[in-house]
Amino acid sequence: MGTALVYHEDMTATRLLWDDPECEIERPERLTAALDRLRQRGLEQRCLRLSAREASKEELGLVHSPEYVSLVRKTQVLGEEELQALSGQFDAIYFHPSTFHCARLAAGAGLQLVDAVLTGAVQNGLALVRPPGHHSQRAAANGFCVFNNVAIAAAHAKQKHGLHRILIVDWDVHHGQGIQYLFEDDPSSGCSLGCPARSGWETLTTWLPSCTCCSHWPLSLTLSWCWSQQDLTQPSGTLRGKCRPRQSASPTSHICCRCWPAAGSAPCWSALESIQSARAAQAPYWKSLQLQDVTPVPTSPSTHSPEGRPPPLLPGGPMCKAAAPAPAPSSLLDQLCLCPAPSVRTTVALTAPDITLVLPPDVIQQEGSALREETEAWARPHESLAREEALTALGKLLYLLDGMLDGQVNSGIAATPASAAAATLDVAIQRGLSHGAQRLLCVALGQLDRPPDLAHDGRTLWLNIGGKEAAALSMFHVATPLPVMTGGFLSCILGLVLPLAYGFQPDLVLVALGPGHGLQGPHAALLAAMLRGLAGGRVLALLEEDSTPQLAGILARVLRGEAPPSLGPSSVASPEDVQALMYLRGQLEPQWKMLQVRLIAEAWLCPGARLCHRGRWGGQGK
C-alpha cells in the first residue's frame, strides 16, 4: 500500500469572469501551484495517481438539498450577466459555466480517496481539489465553496463503509461553518466552542501563522486519540477539530506547519487563550483532559512584566538565543532537510537474521558492515564492546548510520546486545555528530544514562524516559519516569517530548529501547511515528538483540509510513504522571519557547484582549 494523489486538470477550468476583488484570489493557480510543488520535490512520482471522478446526484444529496444541486446544475447554460446576478445572492462566491462540473469533480475526488483508503488499495492519500468546500451549506454556496467536499466524504464513509467515528481536522483562515451546520443536527454531534458547550464533538480554536503547532498538538492529538479509543460517553459520531488563524491573518502569509517550529516562533497570547479555552470547554467530556490544568487563560493584563527580568537558567543550560526573523516560506521548506531525503526506505540491520521476523516487502535487510578497523577504533574506549557479538552489531550500526547521513536510506533499525546498549548508543551519538549531524535528538528509554563525555554544547538533546525521577539537569538533559498508564505516556509525548523535539529541530533522531524500557510494541510504535516528522524522517531505532521480532516488525512498518497499532483501552494519566509532567514543564518553560504556554499567557496578555471567535465567512448564518 502507498499514498494516493487524486487530481483532475478539469478543476482548473472555472475562473472569475468579472471584476470582484473579494473573489479574485480563488483562481486556477491555487491548484496548479500545489501540484507543481509536489512535482518539484519528486513527491508526485512516489504516489499512486488517481483521476478524480464526478460525484453523482445521490452522493451530493448526502448533505445538499435537491433544489440547491439543481440550481448549481443550471449554471452550465447561464450567460455572464446571469452568472454574476446569481453569484450576488451568495457571500463571496462566483459561478462559471464549468462550476458544476468542477465542483462535482472536487466532491468525487474525496469520495474516490475515501474508497481507496477504506478498501485497502492505498494506505492514505491527498486530494487536490477546487473549488473548496468547507463553507458550503445544505442549500447555499459560501466563501468560494460550492459543494461541501469533506462533509460529503464523511457522510459517504458512514453510509457505504459503515464507519462510526470520523475525525475532521479543518485548517483555514476562516471557520468552516458549513461542516459545522451540516453535522450539528446529528444527535451524536455537538456545537461549536463558540456556542454553549453541550457535547465534546466539536472544537474551535483560533490560530495565527506566527504561532507554532506544537502548542496545539497536546489538545488536538489528545482529543483525536481519545476519540479513537472511545473515551467519550456517546457511541458514535463525527469529531470536528477546527484550527484557524485569526481573522486578520492573510491567506498568503500561511506556511507549512512544519516550518513554524523552524522559525523559532513562540505562541502568541490569542492562540494561548484559544487553546486553553478549548481545553476548559472540552474537559468535562474527555477523560485525558480532566487531570490537566484547564483553567481558562485570563484576559486581564498580568501584573508581572517580563521586561528587564530574564528567566532563570537551569543548571548547565545556556539561554536560547533570540530567534532571527523568520525566513520566507520557500527557504524554510528547503532548510528542513540538510541532505536530499530519499524515497521512504527503511533498513533493518540485525546481527543474525530472524526467520520469524516478518517485514514489509520494501524494507531492506542490511547485509553490509563498516570496516573492521574502523569499528574497532570506535569500540576501543568501551569494554562492553570488546566481545565479538557486540563488535559485529556495532559494525552494522555504523554502516546503517552512514547510509542515513549520506541520504541512501531514510530510517533504520539496529540491534545490539543488552550489555552493550549504553556503549553502542554513545558511539552512535558521537558518530552522528562527527559525520554531518548538527543537532541530534536522543530519546533513551529504560536504564540508559547520558554518556558522561558527551559535550554540553547544545548539539545534543537527551531525553530519558524511564529515569528514577523527573529531573531537568539542563535544558538539553531531561529525565522522567516511564508513565504507568497509557494516558500518561500519551501526555508525556504530546506535552513534553514533541514540544522539545520540534523546538530543538534536530537533523538526526535516535530512539534507544534499552534494558528495562518497559514499552509495549504499540507504545514504541507511536513514539517512533510521532518523531518521523523531524529531521526529514531520519530516525534510527536501537533495540536489544533479545527484543521480540514482533517489536522490530512493528517499528519497521511505522518507520516506512504505516499507522501505529492501537494502544488498547483508554486510560487517564495517573496523578504521579501528571505531577512529573507539570514539574518538568515548569522547569523547562523559561528555556523552551514551545513550552511557554503558561509563561507567555501570564506575561504578555494585553488589556482588553479578547478571543476572536468568528471569521469573515464563519459569521454567516444558515
Foldseek 3Di string as FASTA:
>chain_A
DAAEEEDAPLLQVDADPDDDVLQRVQHSCVQVVVVVVCVVLVNVVRHHYDYFDFADLVLLLLFADNVQLVVLQVLLPDDPVVQVVVQVVEEREGHDNCVSVQLRRQLRSLQVQLVCCLVVVHVYYDYRGPPAALQDARRGAYNRHRGRNVLSSVSCCCVVVVDFEAEAEAEEQFDSVRSQVRFCVPPLAHHELVDQTDAQQEYAFEAAQLAACLLVQLPPVLVVQCRVQVQFDDDGGYHYYYYHYYQPHDRVQHADNLLNLVQLGFGAQLRLQRSLSRLVSNCVGGPQSVLDPSPGQDQAAFPDACPPPADDFFALADFDDDGDGRDDRVVSVVPQAPDSADQAEEEEEELDDDPPQDAPPRHHHDDDFADLVVLCVLCVVPPLCPDPQQSSQLRSVLVVLVCCQNNNHQEYEGAGAQSCQQSSVVSSVVSNVVRHWQAEEEEEFAPHDDPPPDDSPLRYAYEYEQDPDFDPNGLRHTYHYHFPFPSLLSCCCSQPVVLSCSNSQTLAYEYEHHPPRPDDLLSVLVNLLSCCSGNVLYYYYYYYNPDDSVSVRQNNCSSSPHDRDRPDNDDYTDSRSNVSSVVNLVNNCSRGSSSVSVVNSNHPNDHPDDHDRGHDSRPDDD
